[in-house]
């Protein structure tokens, strides 16, 4: 998964709330107190948090319903899985001792992770890979696998591809389901365009689909806007509608939220939320049409697109308004030390904010 605005008053407010540099995210002791039991919420949703292999930060196991561990990869012989930092995956899986309701899933793939096309095209390799999914689930005490092939039939990530990939992807999901059985989760991450997959064919095998409704525009466009404006290419709203139009039931969809920004010129290409700052000659602008902030340089150019606490709050209400399965975000350690963004997501999807919002709509 590649995971990696117009008023002065609004900009000042956004700067105060959203652009406070902080250390790497850590387990938040007060998070459990801020979130009520899911049983008290009218309609609790899923929270899928990506957690990466390269960090040593341990996530708060009560802040989400699912952890997607990033990443595993198709091995060099096209017939199994190689797990990044397996010791960390064991530690992440052990978090279920603190929260027995937590689900931990291995996400296999990510941007630039290849060998899917070769593996899925060969029936023997595909069967061996599916069997290895079962082996990995058992070895690490996991609750399922997430197949993050970006993307069947496309070599845009620098990986091999074939026109037969879409059909072979369906066979792969069928074979994995046959190996892991009905009680383990099988999920996937999809681009906002809803391309590359035969959704009607794979739906019988998958539990839910995570829409990567971020990185759907690059500077000078918003990275993850909710609605259209002059600064957008694709929007999160359009991404959800594209998936619904493809025949996916709303109860099988989560909406992806970015905990990072994408920049140009005064800013790097990728910047964690915790590191965001307003650099010299720049200012924060709120795009009231897109419902997202951006940073503008002295020349009036959009040089960093991101989501702040206000944009995440609005998107969480959008998720509830559209009655979809929940929220997914990339990724846990991009957030600030206070857990500013993830607490909003948790409280809307699993806690009091969601309950109160739904009650107010009745």
Protein backbone atom coordinates (compact mmCIF):
# COMPACT_ATOMS: atom_id res chain seq x y z
CA UNK A 1 0.00 0.00 0.00
CA UNK A 2 1.43 3.30 -1.10
CA UNK A 3 1.11 5.21 1.87
CA UNK A 4 2.46 6.58 1.76
CA UNK A 5 -7.83 24.49 1.44
CA UNK A 6 -10.21 29.94 2.50
CA UNK A 7 -10.12 31.94 5.26
CA UNK A 8 -7.44 33.26 7.58
CA UNK A 9 -9.36 32.28 10.70
CA UNK A 10 -9.77 28.72 9.49
CA UNK A 11 -6.08 28.54 8.66
CA UNK A 12 -5.09 29.74 12.11
CA UNK A 13 -7.34 27.18 13.75
CA UNK A 14 -5.95 24.38 11.61
CA UNK A 15 -2.40 25.40 12.39
CA UNK A 16 -3.01 25.36 16.11
CA UNK A 17 -4.68 21.95 16.08
CA UNK A 18 -2.97 20.07 13.30
CA UNK A 19 0.58 21.24 12.83
CA UNK A 20 2.24 20.53 16.16
CA UNK A 21 5.44 18.53 15.61
CA UNK A 22 5.76 15.61 18.01
CA UNK A 23 7.71 12.45 18.61
CA UNK A 24 6.78 9.10 17.12
CA UNK A 25 3.36 7.77 18.15
CA UNK A 26 3.28 5.62 21.27
CA UNK A 27 0.71 3.61 23.16
CA UNK A 28 -1.72 6.10 24.68
CA UNK A 29 -2.66 5.39 28.28
CA UNK A 30 -5.76 7.58 28.19
CA UNK A 31 -7.16 6.16 24.96
CA UNK A 32 -9.17 3.45 26.68
CA UNK A 33 -10.75 6.04 28.94
CA UNK A 34 -11.72 8.15 25.94
CA UNK A 35 -13.38 5.26 24.12
CA UNK A 36 -16.46 3.51 25.37
CA UNK A 37 -17.16 -0.17 24.91
CA UNK A 38 -18.31 -1.04 21.42
CA UNK A 39 -21.41 -2.55 23.03
CA UNK A 40 -22.55 0.97 24.00
CA UNK A 41 -22.42 2.27 20.43
CA UNK A 42 -25.53 2.12 18.28
CA UNK A 43 -23.67 0.67 15.30
CA UNK A 44 -19.95 0.09 15.91
CA UNK A 45 -17.71 0.11 12.86
CA UNK A 46 -14.39 -1.47 12.01
CA UNK A 47 -11.12 0.40 12.48
CA UNK A 48 -8.32 -1.12 10.40
CA UNK A 49 -4.93 0.30 11.39
CA UNK A 50 -1.88 -0.45 9.29
CA UNK A 51 1.19 -1.06 11.45
CA UNK A 52 4.56 -1.36 9.75
CA UNK A 53 7.36 -3.86 10.23
CA UNK A 54 10.05 -1.20 10.36
CA UNK A 55 8.91 0.54 13.54
CA UNK A 56 9.40 -0.49 17.15
CA UNK A 57 6.28 1.38 18.33
CA UNK A 58 3.68 -0.92 19.84
CA UNK A 59 0.13 0.21 19.06
CA UNK A 60 -2.59 0.59 21.65
CA UNK A 61 -4.57 -2.66 21.12
CA UNK A 62 -7.80 -0.97 22.20
CA UNK A 63 -7.59 1.77 19.55
CA UNK A 64 -8.72 -0.40 16.64
CA UNK A 65 -10.63 -3.54 15.74
CA UNK A 66 -8.02 -4.81 13.28
CA UNK A 67 -4.29 -4.42 12.75
CA UNK A 68 -2.98 -4.95 9.22
CA UNK A 69 0.70 -5.79 9.58
CA UNK A 70 2.73 -4.42 6.68
CA UNK A 71 4.14 -6.35 5.01
CA UNK A 72 4.58 -9.85 3.78
CA UNK A 73 5.69 -10.53 0.20
CA UNK A 74 5.54 -13.23 -2.44
CA UNK A 75 8.83 -15.09 -2.01
CA UNK A 76 11.55 -15.35 -4.63
CA UNK A 77 10.38 -18.79 -5.76
CA UNK A 78 6.79 -17.58 -6.34
CA UNK A 79 5.28 -20.21 -4.05
CA UNK A 80 5.13 -18.77 -0.54
CA UNK A 81 5.30 -15.75 1.76
CA UNK A 82 8.28 -13.87 3.14
CA UNK A 83 7.39 -11.84 6.24
CA UNK A 84 9.18 -8.59 7.05
CA UNK A 85 10.53 -8.59 10.62
CA UNK A 86 8.78 -11.77 11.83
CA UNK A 87 9.76 -11.10 15.46
CA UNK A 88 7.72 -7.92 15.39
CA UNK A 89 4.74 -9.73 13.90
CA UNK A 90 4.84 -12.17 16.84
CA UNK A 91 4.79 -9.19 19.22
CA UNK A 92 1.93 -7.52 17.37
CA UNK A 93 -0.08 -10.75 17.42
CA UNK A 94 0.55 -11.05 21.17
CA UNK A 95 -1.40 -7.81 21.67
CA UNK A 96 -4.51 -9.97 21.47
CA UNK A 97 -3.72 -11.06 25.01
CA UNK A 98 -4.52 -7.50 26.09
CA UNK A 99 -7.59 -7.24 23.87
CA UNK A 100 -9.10 -10.61 22.92
CA UNK A 101 -11.41 -8.86 20.43
CA UNK A 102 -8.50 -7.49 18.40
CA UNK A 103 -7.88 -9.09 14.99
CA UNK A 104 -4.37 -9.18 13.51
CA UNK A 105 -3.99 -9.70 9.77
CA UNK A 106 -0.86 -9.98 7.63
CA UNK A 107 -0.98 -7.69 4.62
CA UNK A 108 0.93 -9.26 1.72
CA UNK A 109 2.16 -6.87 -0.94
CA UNK A 110 2.25 -3.08 -0.95
CA UNK A 111 3.46 -0.60 -3.55
CA UNK A 112 6.37 -2.07 -5.49
CA UNK A 113 5.97 -5.57 -4.03
CA UNK A 114 5.98 -7.92 -6.99
CA UNK A 115 6.00 -11.56 -8.11
CA UNK A 116 2.21 -11.75 -7.76
CA UNK A 117 1.65 -12.06 -11.49
CA UNK A 118 4.03 -15.01 -11.89
CA UNK A 119 2.72 -16.74 -8.77
CA UNK A 120 -0.98 -16.37 -9.60
CA UNK A 121 -0.51 -17.49 -13.22
CA UNK A 122 0.86 -20.91 -12.25
CA UNK A 123 -1.63 -23.30 -10.67
CA UNK A 124 1.02 -25.12 -8.63
CA UNK A 125 2.63 -21.94 -7.33
CA UNK A 126 -0.78 -20.43 -6.61
CA UNK A 127 -1.82 -23.50 -4.62
CA UNK A 128 1.46 -23.48 -2.70
CA UNK A 129 1.11 -19.79 -1.92
CA UNK A 130 -2.45 -20.33 -0.67
CA UNK A 131 -1.23 -23.16 1.55
CA UNK A 132 1.50 -20.89 2.88
CA UNK A 133 -1.14 -18.32 3.83
CA UNK A 134 -2.57 -20.99 6.14
CA UNK A 135 0.92 -21.76 7.46
CA UNK A 136 1.59 -18.10 8.27
CA UNK A 137 -1.79 -17.70 9.98
CA UNK A 138 -1.08 -20.69 12.19
CA UNK A 139 2.56 -19.81 12.93
CA UNK A 140 1.85 -16.24 13.98
CA UNK A 141 -1.62 -16.80 15.49
CA UNK A 142 -3.22 -14.48 12.95
CA UNK A 143 -6.84 -13.85 12.07
CA UNK A 144 -6.38 -13.69 8.33
CA UNK A 145 -4.48 -12.29 5.37
CA UNK A 146 -4.86 -9.15 3.28
CA UNK A 147 -3.77 -9.41 -0.36
CA UNK A 148 -2.42 -5.99 -1.34
CA UNK A 149 -1.37 -6.62 -4.95
CA UNK A 150 -0.88 -3.16 -6.49
CA UNK A 151 -2.24 -3.84 -9.08
CA UNK A 152 -3.34 -6.79 -11.26
CA UNK A 153 -2.66 -6.02 -14.98
CA UNK A 154 -0.61 -2.90 -14.05
CA UNK A 155 3.15 -2.41 -13.92
CA UNK A 156 2.90 1.16 -12.64
CA UNK A 157 4.64 0.15 -9.39
CA UNK A 158 7.57 -1.33 -11.30
CA UNK A 159 6.35 -4.92 -10.99
CA UNK A 160 5.55 -7.51 -13.63
CA UNK A 161 2.01 -7.80 -14.95
CA UNK A 162 -0.11 -9.68 -17.46
CA UNK A 163 -3.51 -9.16 -19.10
CA UNK A 164 -4.54 -12.39 -17.34
CA UNK A 165 -3.86 -10.97 -13.86
CA UNK A 166 -7.45 -10.05 -13.05
CA UNK A 167 -8.73 -13.53 -13.78
CA UNK A 168 -5.79 -15.10 -11.95
CA UNK A 169 -6.42 -12.84 -8.96
CA UNK A 170 -9.89 -14.33 -8.66
CA UNK A 171 -8.42 -17.84 -8.75
CA UNK A 172 -5.90 -16.80 -6.09
CA UNK A 173 -8.59 -15.54 -3.71
CA UNK A 174 -10.58 -18.73 -4.32
CA UNK A 175 -7.56 -20.87 -3.51
CA UNK A 176 -6.66 -18.90 -0.39
CA UNK A 177 -10.21 -19.15 0.91
CA UNK A 178 -10.12 -22.87 0.33
CA UNK A 179 -6.96 -23.16 2.42
CA UNK A 180 -7.72 -20.82 5.33
CA UNK A 181 -11.36 -21.86 5.71
CA UNK A 182 -14.45 -19.77 6.46
CA UNK A 183 -13.43 -18.53 9.92
CA UNK A 184 -10.34 -16.54 8.94
CA UNK A 185 -10.45 -13.15 7.23
CA UNK A 186 -9.47 -12.60 3.62
CA UNK A 187 -9.35 -8.94 2.57
CA UNK A 188 -7.79 -6.68 -0.02
CA UNK A 189 -6.81 -3.06 -0.57
CA UNK A 190 -8.03 -1.33 -3.72
CA UNK A 191 -7.29 1.99 -5.45
CA UNK A 192 -9.84 4.77 -5.42
CA UNK A 193 -10.62 4.19 -9.09
CA UNK A 194 -11.97 0.68 -8.35
CA UNK A 195 -10.03 -0.69 -11.31
CA UNK A 196 -8.15 -3.96 -11.87
CA UNK A 197 -10.43 -6.44 -10.03
CA UNK A 198 -13.44 -8.54 -11.01
CA UNK A 199 -15.41 -7.66 -7.89
CA UNK A 200 -18.50 -9.81 -8.53
CA UNK A 201 -16.21 -12.83 -8.96
CA UNK A 202 -14.13 -12.27 -5.82
CA UNK A 203 -16.91 -11.15 -3.45
CA UNK A 204 -17.85 -14.72 -2.44
CA UNK A 205 -14.32 -15.21 -1.10
CA UNK A 206 -13.54 -11.90 0.65
CA UNK A 207 -14.71 -10.50 3.96
CA UNK A 208 -14.21 -6.81 3.21
CA UNK A 209 -12.35 -4.37 0.99
CA UNK A 210 -10.22 -1.40 2.11
CA UNK A 211 -10.45 1.55 -0.29
CA UNK A 212 -7.15 3.40 -0.56
CA UNK A 213 -8.84 6.78 -0.84
CA UNK A 214 -5.53 8.60 -0.48
CA UNK A 215 -2.68 9.28 -2.89
CA UNK A 216 -5.51 9.92 -5.31
CA UNK A 217 -3.90 13.18 -6.37
CA UNK A 218 -0.41 14.63 -6.31
CA UNK A 219 0.71 18.24 -6.01
CA UNK A 220 -0.71 20.57 -7.23
CA UNK A 221 -3.79 18.53 -6.33
CA UNK A 222 -5.12 17.34 -2.99
CA UNK A 223 -3.78 14.01 -1.82
CA UNK A 224 -7.04 12.88 -0.15
CA UNK A 225 -9.97 15.28 -0.57
CA UNK A 226 -13.49 14.28 0.34
CA UNK A 227 -15.26 16.28 -2.38
CA UNK A 228 -14.42 18.03 -5.64
CA UNK A 229 -12.79 21.44 -5.94
CA UNK A 230 -10.38 23.18 -8.32
CA UNK A 231 -7.56 21.36 -6.50
CA UNK A 232 -8.82 17.79 -6.96
CA UNK A 233 -8.42 14.95 -9.40
CA UNK A 234 -10.22 12.07 -7.67
CA UNK A 235 -12.04 12.34 -4.36
CA UNK A 236 -12.82 9.96 -1.51
CA UNK A 237 -16.52 10.40 -2.24
CA UNK A 238 -15.97 9.43 -5.88
CA UNK A 239 -13.86 6.46 -4.77
CA UNK A 240 -16.62 5.12 -2.53
CA UNK A 241 -19.23 5.63 -5.24
CA UNK A 242 -17.02 3.84 -7.79
CA UNK A 243 -16.79 0.81 -5.51
CA UNK A 244 -20.52 0.78 -4.85
CA UNK A 245 -21.17 1.06 -8.59
CA UNK A 246 -18.88 -1.95 -9.09
CA UNK A 247 -21.37 -4.00 -7.09
CA UNK A 248 -19.65 -4.13 -3.69
CA UNK A 249 -22.11 -4.02 -0.78
CA UNK A 250 -21.56 -1.06 1.54
CA UNK A 251 -21.14 -3.42 4.50
CA UNK A 252 -17.99 -4.79 2.83
CA UNK A 253 -16.23 -1.43 2.39
CA UNK A 254 -13.94 0.67 4.55
CA UNK A 255 -12.72 4.15 3.62
CA UNK A 256 -8.98 4.83 3.78
CA UNK A 257 -7.66 7.82 5.73
CA UNK A 258 -4.10 9.21 5.41
CA UNK A 259 -2.04 10.06 8.47
CA UNK A 260 0.56 11.73 6.25
CA UNK A 261 0.87 14.37 3.55
CA UNK A 262 2.31 14.52 0.03
CA UNK A 263 4.36 17.54 -0.98
CA UNK A 264 6.50 19.31 -3.54
CA UNK A 265 9.02 22.17 -3.67
CA UNK A 266 9.12 23.46 -0.07
CA UNK A 267 8.04 20.03 1.22
CA UNK A 268 9.20 16.43 0.73
CA UNK A 269 7.19 13.98 -1.31
CA UNK A 270 6.04 12.16 1.84
CA UNK A 271 5.65 13.66 5.33
CA UNK A 272 4.16 12.09 8.47
CA UNK A 273 1.39 14.02 10.20
CA UNK A 274 3.54 14.17 13.34
CA UNK A 275 6.24 16.04 11.40
CA UNK A 276 4.01 18.58 9.66
CA UNK A 277 5.05 22.21 10.01
CA UNK A 278 4.38 25.48 8.26
CA UNK A 279 7.63 26.45 6.60
CA UNK A 280 8.87 29.93 5.89
CA UNK A 281 6.74 31.80 3.38
CA UNK A 282 3.95 29.19 3.55
CA UNK A 283 0.49 29.15 5.11
CA UNK A 284 -2.34 26.72 5.82
CA UNK A 285 -5.46 27.06 3.67
CA UNK A 286 -8.80 25.29 4.14
CA UNK A 287 -10.56 24.16 0.96
CA UNK A 288 -14.21 24.38 1.95
CA UNK A 289 -15.33 22.53 -1.18
CA UNK A 290 -12.89 19.62 -0.87
CA UNK A 291 -13.23 19.61 2.94
CA UNK A 292 -9.48 19.29 3.34
CA UNK A 293 -6.53 21.53 4.19
CA UNK A 294 -3.42 22.21 2.21
CA UNK A 295 -0.27 24.26 2.58
CA UNK A 296 0.33 27.05 0.12
CA UNK A 297 3.67 28.71 -0.62
CA UNK A 298 4.36 32.40 -1.18
CA UNK A 299 3.63 31.97 -4.89
CA UNK A 300 0.13 30.72 -4.11
CA UNK A 301 0.93 27.13 -5.06
CA UNK A 302 -0.40 24.06 -3.30
CA UNK A 303 2.80 22.46 -2.00
CA UNK A 304 1.48 19.97 0.59
CA UNK A 305 -1.81 18.10 0.61
CA UNK A 306 -2.82 16.27 3.78
CA UNK A 307 -5.65 15.56 6.22
CA UNK A 308 -5.76 17.20 9.64
CA UNK A 309 -8.05 16.55 12.60
CA UNK A 310 -10.87 18.55 11.03
CA UNK A 311 -10.72 16.62 7.74
CA UNK A 312 -10.54 13.27 9.58
CA UNK A 313 -13.52 14.25 11.74
CA UNK A 314 -15.55 15.13 8.66
CA UNK A 315 -14.62 11.87 6.94
CA UNK A 316 -15.61 9.83 9.99
CA UNK A 317 -19.06 11.43 9.91
CA UNK A 318 -19.18 10.73 6.18
CA UNK A 319 -18.52 7.04 6.91
CA UNK A 320 -21.40 6.97 9.37
CA UNK A 321 -23.66 8.90 6.99
CA UNK A 322 -23.01 6.33 4.27
CA UNK A 323 -23.36 3.37 6.64
CA UNK A 324 -20.27 1.56 5.39
CA UNK A 325 -18.25 -0.96 7.38
CA UNK A 326 -15.74 1.47 8.85
CA UNK A 327 -12.41 3.25 8.47
CA UNK A 328 -8.91 2.16 7.52
CA UNK A 329 -5.81 4.29 7.96
CA UNK A 330 -2.17 4.33 6.90
CA UNK A 331 -0.50 4.23 9.28
CA UNK A 332 -0.38 4.11 13.07
CA UNK A 333 3.07 5.61 13.65
CA UNK A 334 2.49 8.56 11.31
CA UNK A 335 0.21 10.08 13.96
CA UNK A 336 1.54 12.40 16.65
CA UNK A 337 2.44 11.35 20.18
CA UNK A 338 -0.98 12.40 21.44
CA UNK A 339 -2.76 10.18 18.95
CA UNK A 340 -4.69 13.15 17.60
CA UNK A 341 -5.97 11.51 14.42
CA UNK A 342 -6.41 7.93 15.57
CA UNK A 343 -8.41 8.97 18.65
CA UNK A 344 -10.91 10.72 16.38
CA UNK A 345 -11.27 7.59 14.27
CA UNK A 346 -11.61 5.31 17.30
CA UNK A 347 -14.16 7.51 19.00
CA UNK A 348 -16.37 7.82 15.92
CA UNK A 349 -16.14 4.20 14.84
CA UNK A 350 -16.10 2.50 18.26
CA UNK A 351 -17.04 5.05 20.89
CA UNK A 352 -19.13 7.92 22.15
CA UNK A 353 -18.65 10.32 19.22
CA UNK A 354 -20.17 7.82 16.82
CA UNK A 355 -23.03 7.02 19.14
CA UNK A 356 -23.81 10.68 19.73
CA UNK A 357 -23.61 11.52 16.03
CA UNK A 358 -25.94 8.68 15.07
CA UNK A 359 -28.36 9.56 17.88
CA UNK A 360 -28.44 13.19 16.73
CA UNK A 361 -29.49 12.10 13.22
CA UNK A 362 -32.53 10.19 14.42
